[in-house]
């Protein structure tokens, strides 16, 4: 797929960041104070499994001329886990992975076809615990165009981008709730155009927003 075919559009407000600003923010390390560390943080009654099953995702910040964006994928509808949901490229750590960074870059290549040579790793956030038993390490990376994408047809239905300024603006951070078996679960949602970004992906984006906004406020 040609890089130009990636969907990227929309009007977004909020703060803007360029490459030097992002590199400066992450160069000093990440302050995790106040960030969400798992699905249970917003839902005290939610039963959480013990930490386990390490995984990693890449949070790709694309350095576009019109402004930074975040690259995301939409999972295919036939997958057993999280079908049709919006996610970062990534997955569980394998024996071939030396650390979360190598896992995130490998999974990104496999799912999107984007070679790791286009990615400059800036840092990583603490692992985020999901209610499905994964401890997911978000790896922050700068992605330099032009690049081609080759979505894995089994896992990835679509690759698209959301303006970083939209992600950073707290006006776009909605809190939704669902109740099941008498337990109320609350979670963040970032509705962008026809995309319903929620769950762990939305929580990690809200965490990223908190990190970036601390530098500007």
C-alpha atoms as a PDB file:
ATOM      1  CA  UNK A   1       0.000   0.000   0.000  1.00  0.00           C
ATOM      2  CA  UNK A   2       1.299   3.417  -0.898  1.00  0.00           C
ATOM      3  CA  UNK A   3       1.907   5.711   2.040  1.00  0.00           C
ATOM      4  CA  UNK A   4      -0.430   8.305   0.514  1.00  0.00           C
ATOM      5  CA  UNK A   5      -3.307   5.812   0.800  1.00  0.00           C
ATOM      6  CA  UNK A   6      -3.252   5.943   4.592  1.00  0.00           C
ATOM      7  CA  UNK A   7      -6.306   7.772   5.882  1.00  0.00           C
ATOM      8  CA  UNK A   8      -5.340  10.934   7.697  1.00  0.00           C
ATOM      9  CA  UNK A   9      -7.752  13.811   7.957  1.00  0.00           C
ATOM     10  CA  UNK A  10      -9.799  15.843  10.359  1.00  0.00           C
ATOM     11  CA  UNK A  11      -9.819  19.089  12.229  1.00  0.00           C
ATOM     12  CA  UNK A  12      -8.257  18.989  15.685  1.00  0.00           C
ATOM     13  CA  UNK A  13      -7.571  21.531  18.358  1.00  0.00           C
ATOM     14  CA  UNK A  14      -5.234  21.528  21.326  1.00  0.00           C
ATOM     15  CA  UNK A  15      -1.473  21.726  21.594  1.00  0.00           C
ATOM     16  CA  UNK A  16       0.927  20.913  18.771  1.00  0.00           C
ATOM     17  CA  UNK A  17       4.355  19.287  18.951  1.00  0.00           C
ATOM     18  CA  UNK A  18       7.255  18.971  16.534  1.00  0.00           C
ATOM     19  CA  UNK A  19      10.141  16.497  16.432  1.00  0.00           C
ATOM     20  CA  UNK A  20      12.591  18.533  18.595  1.00  0.00           C
ATOM     21  CA  UNK A  21       9.911  19.126  21.245  1.00  0.00           C
ATOM     22  CA  UNK A  22       8.998  15.433  21.471  1.00  0.00           C
ATOM     23  CA  UNK A  23      12.616  14.321  21.646  1.00  0.00           C
ATOM     24  CA  UNK A  24      13.274  16.853  24.398  1.00  0.00           C
ATOM     25  CA  UNK A  25      10.271  15.662  26.437  1.00  0.00           C
ATOM     26  CA  UNK A  26      11.255  11.995  26.372  1.00  0.00           C
ATOM     27  CA  UNK A  27      14.999  12.545  26.671  1.00  0.00           C
ATOM     28  CA  UNK A  28      14.632  13.347  30.364  1.00  0.00           C
ATOM     29  CA  UNK A  29      12.613  10.220  31.117  1.00  0.00           C
ATOM     30  CA  UNK A  30       8.905   9.807  31.810  1.00  0.00           C
ATOM     31  CA  UNK A  31       7.235  10.824  35.053  1.00  0.00           C
ATOM     32  CA  UNK A  32       4.544   8.165  35.586  1.00  0.00           C
ATOM     33  CA  UNK A  33       2.920   9.937  38.535  1.00  0.00           C
ATOM     34  CA  UNK A  34      -0.843   9.970  38.152  1.00  0.00           C
ATOM     35  CA  UNK A  35      -0.913   7.866  34.989  1.00  0.00           C
ATOM     36  CA  UNK A  36      -3.287   4.913  34.651  1.00  0.00           C
ATOM     37  CA  UNK A  37      -1.487   1.607  35.111  1.00  0.00           C
ATOM     38  CA  UNK A  38      -4.308  -0.739  34.211  1.00  0.00           C
ATOM     39  CA  UNK A  39      -7.963  -1.299  33.326  1.00  0.00           C
ATOM     40  CA  UNK A  40      -8.828  -1.533  37.014  1.00  0.00           C
ATOM     41  CA  UNK A  41      -7.779   2.050  37.755  1.00  0.00           C
ATOM     42  CA  UNK A  42     -11.099   3.481  36.539  1.00  0.00           C
ATOM     43  CA  UNK A  43     -13.219   0.536  37.698  1.00  0.00           C
ATOM     44  CA  UNK A  44     -12.559  -0.359  41.359  1.00  0.00           C
ATOM     45  CA  UNK A  45     -15.014  -3.271  41.233  1.00  0.00           C
ATOM     46  CA  UNK A  46     -13.430  -4.873  38.184  1.00  0.00           C
ATOM     47  CA  UNK A  47     -11.767  -8.189  38.955  1.00  0.00           C
ATOM     48  CA  UNK A  48      -8.225  -8.100  37.577  1.00  0.00           C
ATOM     49  CA  UNK A  49      -6.031 -11.136  36.937  1.00  0.00           C
ATOM     50  CA  UNK A  50      -2.495 -11.240  38.365  1.00  0.00           C
ATOM     51  CA  UNK A  51       0.251  -9.616  36.258  1.00  0.00           C
ATOM     52  CA  UNK A  52       1.502 -11.845  33.506  1.00  0.00           C
ATOM     53  CA  UNK A  53       1.786 -12.437  29.762  1.00  0.00           C
ATOM     54  CA  UNK A  54       4.171  -9.627  28.823  1.00  0.00           C
ATOM     55  CA  UNK A  55       3.388  -7.758  25.621  1.00  0.00           C
ATOM     56  CA  UNK A  56       4.417  -4.538  23.916  1.00  0.00           C
ATOM     57  CA  UNK A  57       2.922  -2.055  21.474  1.00  0.00           C
ATOM     58  CA  UNK A  58       4.433   0.717  19.404  1.00  0.00           C
ATOM     59  CA  UNK A  59       2.903   4.170  19.801  1.00  0.00           C
ATOM     60  CA  UNK A  60       3.951   5.562  16.387  1.00  0.00           C
ATOM     61  CA  UNK A  61       4.100   9.344  16.213  1.00  0.00           C
ATOM     62  CA  UNK A  62       4.251  10.218  12.525  1.00  0.00           C
ATOM     63  CA  UNK A  63       6.216  13.357  11.640  1.00  0.00           C
ATOM     64  CA  UNK A  64       3.942  14.856   8.977  1.00  0.00           C
ATOM     65  CA  UNK A  65       4.503  18.269   7.400  1.00  0.00           C
ATOM     66  CA  UNK A  66       0.981  19.270   8.451  1.00  0.00           C
ATOM     67  CA  UNK A  67       1.598  18.182  12.044  1.00  0.00           C
ATOM     68  CA  UNK A  68       2.309  15.110  14.144  1.00  0.00           C
ATOM     69  CA  UNK A  69      -0.171  12.253  14.006  1.00  0.00           C
ATOM     70  CA  UNK A  70      -0.609   8.904  15.748  1.00  0.00           C
ATOM     71  CA  UNK A  71      -0.766   5.776  13.591  1.00  0.00           C
ATOM     72  CA  UNK A  72      -3.331   3.172  14.621  1.00  0.00           C
ATOM     73  CA  UNK A  73      -4.737  -0.044  13.211  1.00  0.00           C
ATOM     74  CA  UNK A  74      -8.234  -1.475  13.041  1.00  0.00           C
ATOM     75  CA  UNK A  75      -8.291  -5.197  13.720  1.00  0.00           C
ATOM     76  CA  UNK A  76     -10.127  -7.565  11.397  1.00  0.00           C
ATOM     77  CA  UNK A  77     -13.576  -8.745  12.446  1.00  0.00           C
ATOM     78  CA  UNK A  78     -12.792 -12.468  12.487  1.00  0.00           C
ATOM     79  CA  UNK A  79     -10.067 -12.364  15.170  1.00  0.00           C
ATOM     80  CA  UNK A  80     -10.730 -14.261  18.379  1.00  0.00           C
ATOM     81  CA  UNK A  81      -9.466 -11.452  20.621  1.00  0.00           C
ATOM     82  CA  UNK A  82     -10.731  -7.851  20.265  1.00  0.00           C
ATOM     83  CA  UNK A  83     -12.195  -8.186  16.742  1.00  0.00           C
ATOM     84  CA  UNK A  84     -12.770  -4.912  14.940  1.00  0.00           C
ATOM     85  CA  UNK A  85     -11.207  -2.834  17.691  1.00  0.00           C
ATOM     86  CA  UNK A  86      -8.742   0.027  17.287  1.00  0.00           C
ATOM     87  CA  UNK A  87      -5.251  -0.733  18.568  1.00  0.00           C
ATOM     88  CA  UNK A  88      -1.575   0.083  18.317  1.00  0.00           C
ATOM     89  CA  UNK A  89       0.583  -2.345  16.360  1.00  0.00           C
ATOM     90  CA  UNK A  90       1.967  -4.855  18.830  1.00  0.00           C
ATOM     91  CA  UNK A  91       1.445  -8.143  20.595  1.00  0.00           C
ATOM     92  CA  UNK A  92       2.774 -10.612  23.118  1.00  0.00           C
ATOM     93  CA  UNK A  93       6.507 -11.041  23.609  1.00  0.00           C
ATOM     94  CA  UNK A  94       8.094 -14.076  21.933  1.00  0.00           C
ATOM     95  CA  UNK A  95      11.319 -15.934  22.663  1.00  0.00           C
ATOM     96  CA  UNK A  96      13.022 -14.034  19.849  1.00  0.00           C
ATOM     97  CA  UNK A  97      12.350 -10.676  21.541  1.00  0.00           C
ATOM     98  CA  UNK A  98      15.146  -9.337  23.732  1.00  0.00           C
ATOM     99  CA  UNK A  99      12.984  -6.621  25.338  1.00  0.00           C
ATOM    100  CA  UNK A 100       9.686  -4.733  24.841  1.00  0.00           C
ATOM    101  CA  UNK A 101      11.262  -2.466  22.216  1.00  0.00           C
ATOM    102  CA  UNK A 102      12.288  -5.371  19.995  1.00  0.00           C
ATOM    103  CA  UNK A 103       8.830  -6.905  20.442  1.00  0.00           C
ATOM    104  CA  UNK A 104       7.034  -3.684  19.473  1.00  0.00           C
ATOM    105  CA  UNK A 105       9.199  -3.148  16.395  1.00  0.00           C
ATOM    106  CA  UNK A 106       8.849  -6.777  15.265  1.00  0.00           C
ATOM    107  CA  UNK A 107       5.078  -6.752  15.680  1.00  0.00           C
ATOM    108  CA  UNK A 108       4.842  -3.429  13.829  1.00  0.00           C
ATOM    109  CA  UNK A 109       6.736  -4.880  10.877  1.00  0.00           C
ATOM    110  CA  UNK A 110       4.545  -8.000  10.854  1.00  0.00           C
ATOM    111  CA  UNK A 111       1.218  -6.179  11.173  1.00  0.00           C
ATOM    112  CA  UNK A 112       1.798  -3.060   9.073  1.00  0.00           C
ATOM    113  CA  UNK A 113       4.841  -3.803   6.918  1.00  0.00           C
ATOM    114  CA  UNK A 114       6.596  -0.683   8.230  1.00  0.00           C
ATOM    115  CA  UNK A 115      10.290  -1.430   8.582  1.00  0.00           C
ATOM    116  CA  UNK A 116      11.900  -0.625  11.930  1.00  0.00           C
ATOM    117  CA  UNK A 117      14.484   1.537  10.169  1.00  0.00           C
ATOM    118  CA  UNK A 118      11.780   4.233   9.873  1.00  0.00           C
ATOM    119  CA  UNK A 119      11.236   4.289  13.643  1.00  0.00           C
ATOM    120  CA  UNK A 120      13.273   6.286  16.157  1.00  0.00           C
ATOM    121  CA  UNK A 121      12.496   4.997  19.653  1.00  0.00           C
ATOM    122  CA  UNK A 122      12.077   7.853  22.154  1.00  0.00           C
ATOM    123  CA  UNK A 123      11.251   5.903  25.289  1.00  0.00           C
ATOM    124  CA  UNK A 124       8.676   3.665  26.901  1.00  0.00           C
ATOM    125  CA  UNK A 125       5.867   3.980  29.400  1.00  0.00           C
ATOM    126  CA  UNK A 126       5.372   1.619  32.325  1.00  0.00           C
ATOM    127  CA  UNK A 127       3.486  -1.576  31.534  1.00  0.00           C
ATOM    128  CA  UNK A 128      -0.294  -1.263  31.414  1.00  0.00           C
ATOM    129  CA  UNK A 129      -2.289  -4.180  32.872  1.00  0.00           C
ATOM    130  CA  UNK A 130      -5.329  -5.292  30.898  1.00  0.00           C
ATOM    131  CA  UNK A 131      -8.291  -7.200  32.255  1.00  0.00           C
ATOM    132  CA  UNK A 132      -7.392 -10.019  29.826  1.00  0.00           C
ATOM    133  CA  UNK A 133      -4.166 -10.695  31.729  1.00  0.00           C
ATOM    134  CA  UNK A 134      -1.546  -8.895  29.660  1.00  0.00           C
ATOM    135  CA  UNK A 135       1.106  -6.475  30.907  1.00  0.00           C
ATOM    136  CA  UNK A 136       1.573  -4.222  27.887  1.00  0.00           C
ATOM    137  CA  UNK A 137       4.585  -1.911  27.570  1.00  0.00           C
ATOM    138  CA  UNK A 138       3.887   1.084  25.282  1.00  0.00           C
ATOM    139  CA  UNK A 139       7.011   2.023  23.290  1.00  0.00           C
ATOM    140  CA  UNK A 140       7.032   5.608  21.967  1.00  0.00           C
ATOM    141  CA  UNK A 141       8.524   5.948  18.501  1.00  0.00           C
ATOM    142  CA  UNK A 142       8.935   8.692  15.910  1.00  0.00           C
ATOM    143  CA  UNK A 143       8.012   7.472  12.442  1.00  0.00           C
ATOM    144  CA  UNK A 144       9.556   9.311   9.480  1.00  0.00           C
ATOM    145  CA  UNK A 145       7.699   9.459   6.124  1.00  0.00           C
ATOM    146  CA  UNK A 146       7.701   8.520   3.358  1.00  0.00           C
ATOM    147  CA  UNK A 147       6.995   4.870   4.030  1.00  0.00           C
ATOM    148  CA  UNK A 148       4.834   2.136   2.557  1.00  0.00           C
ATOM    149  CA  UNK A 149       2.470  -0.094   4.462  1.00  0.00           C
ATOM    150  CA  UNK A 150       1.572  -3.733   3.849  1.00  0.00           C
ATOM    151  CA  UNK A 151      -1.200  -4.600   6.333  1.00  0.00           C
ATOM    152  CA  UNK A 152      -1.321  -8.216   7.424  1.00  0.00           C
ATOM    153  CA  UNK A 153      -4.644  -9.271   5.849  1.00  0.00           C
ATOM    154  CA  UNK A 154      -5.375 -11.712   8.673  1.00  0.00           C
ATOM    155  CA  UNK A 155      -4.960  -9.218  11.528  1.00  0.00           C
ATOM    156  CA  UNK A 156      -5.289  -5.683  10.133  1.00  0.00           C
ATOM    157  CA  UNK A 157      -8.353  -4.368   8.329  1.00  0.00           C
ATOM    158  CA  UNK A 158      -7.167  -0.769   8.120  1.00  0.00           C
ATOM    159  CA  UNK A 159      -4.308   1.569   8.987  1.00  0.00           C
ATOM    160  CA  UNK A 160      -5.142   5.192   9.721  1.00  0.00           C
ATOM    161  CA  UNK A 161      -3.813   8.244  11.549  1.00  0.00           C
ATOM    162  CA  UNK A 162      -5.244  10.622  14.131  1.00  0.00           C
ATOM    163  CA  UNK A 163      -3.778  14.117  14.629  1.00  0.00           C
ATOM    164  CA  UNK A 164      -1.685  14.252  17.793  1.00  0.00           C
ATOM    165  CA  UNK A 165      -3.300  17.590  18.623  1.00  0.00           C
ATOM    166  CA  UNK A 166      -6.663  15.767  18.776  1.00  0.00           C
ATOM    167  CA  UNK A 167      -5.233  13.121  21.118  1.00  0.00           C
ATOM    168  CA  UNK A 168      -3.643  15.684  23.439  1.00  0.00           C
ATOM    169  CA  UNK A 169      -6.787  17.813  23.796  1.00  0.00           C
ATOM    170  CA  UNK A 170      -8.656  16.647  26.954  1.00  0.00           C
ATOM    171  CA  UNK A 171     -11.947  17.797  25.393  1.00  0.00           C
ATOM    172  CA  UNK A 172     -11.731  14.626  23.286  1.00  0.00           C
ATOM    173  CA  UNK A 173     -11.267  12.288  26.289  1.00  0.00           C
ATOM    174  CA  UNK A 174     -14.742  10.948  27.017  1.00  0.00           C
ATOM    175  CA  UNK A 175     -15.542   8.576  29.886  1.00  0.00           C
ATOM    176  CA  UNK A 176     -18.066   5.838  29.086  1.00  0.00           C
ATOM    177  CA  UNK A 177     -19.432   3.068  31.300  1.00  0.00           C
ATOM    178  CA  UNK A 178     -20.899  -0.385  30.901  1.00  0.00           C
ATOM    179  CA  UNK A 179     -22.382  -2.686  33.490  1.00  0.00           C
ATOM    180  CA  UNK A 180     -22.090  -6.470  33.419  1.00  0.00           C
ATOM    181  CA  UNK A 181     -23.000  -8.950  36.160  1.00  0.00           C
ATOM    182  CA  UNK A 182     -23.592  -6.070  38.544  1.00  0.00           C
ATOM    183  CA  UNK A 183     -20.109  -4.600  38.034  1.00  0.00           C
ATOM    184  CA  UNK A 184     -19.774  -1.157  36.471  1.00  0.00           C
ATOM    185  CA  UNK A 185     -16.778  -0.696  34.224  1.00  0.00           C
ATOM    186  CA  UNK A 186     -15.665   2.800  33.242  1.00  0.00           C
ATOM    187  CA  UNK A 187     -13.185   3.522  30.468  1.00  0.00           C
ATOM    188  CA  UNK A 188     -11.920   6.278  28.213  1.00  0.00           C
ATOM    189  CA  UNK A 189     -13.149   6.756  24.667  1.00  0.00           C
ATOM    190  CA  UNK A 190     -11.599   8.999  22.025  1.00  0.00           C
ATOM    191  CA  UNK A 191     -14.213   9.182  19.246  1.00  0.00           C
ATOM    192  CA  UNK A 192     -12.499  10.282  16.061  1.00  0.00           C
ATOM    193  CA  UNK A 193     -14.647  10.473  12.931  1.00  0.00           C
ATOM    194  CA  UNK A 194     -16.100   6.963  12.514  1.00  0.00           C
ATOM    195  CA  UNK A 195     -13.517   5.369  14.810  1.00  0.00           C
ATOM    196  CA  UNK A 196     -14.404   4.337  18.357  1.00  0.00           C
ATOM    197  CA  UNK A 197     -11.057   4.293  20.158  1.00  0.00           C
ATOM    198  CA  UNK A 198     -11.552   2.821  23.623  1.00  0.00           C
ATOM    199  CA  UNK A 199     -10.199   0.475  26.273  1.00  0.00           C
ATOM    200  CA  UNK A 200      -6.470   0.020  26.794  1.00  0.00           C
ATOM    201  CA  UNK A 201      -5.606   1.886  23.578  1.00  0.00           C
ATOM    202  CA  UNK A 202      -7.580   4.954  24.674  1.00  0.00           C
ATOM    203  CA  UNK A 203      -6.100   4.775  28.194  1.00  0.00           C
ATOM    204  CA  UNK A 204      -2.557   4.731  26.786  1.00  0.00           C
ATOM    205  CA  UNK A 205      -3.394   7.712  24.571  1.00  0.00           C
ATOM    206  CA  UNK A 206      -4.736   9.601  27.594  1.00  0.00           C
ATOM    207  CA  UNK A 207      -1.512   8.739  29.443  1.00  0.00           C
ATOM    208  CA  UNK A 208       0.493  10.052  26.482  1.00  0.00           C
ATOM    209  CA  UNK A 209      -1.583  13.227  26.528  1.00  0.00           C
ATOM    210  CA  UNK A 210      -0.840  13.712  30.233  1.00  0.00           C
ATOM    211  CA  UNK A 211       2.902  13.327  29.627  1.00  0.00           C
ATOM    212  CA  UNK A 212       2.935  15.820  26.765  1.00  0.00           C
ATOM    213  CA  UNK A 213       0.689  18.363  28.461  1.00  0.00           C
ATOM    214  CA  UNK A 214       2.858  18.419  31.599  1.00  0.00           C
ATOM    215  CA  UNK A 215       5.643  19.851  29.491  1.00  0.00           C
ATOM    216  CA  UNK A 216       3.468  22.699  28.235  1.00  0.00           C
ATOM    217  CA  UNK A 217       1.394  23.639  31.270  1.00  0.00           C
END
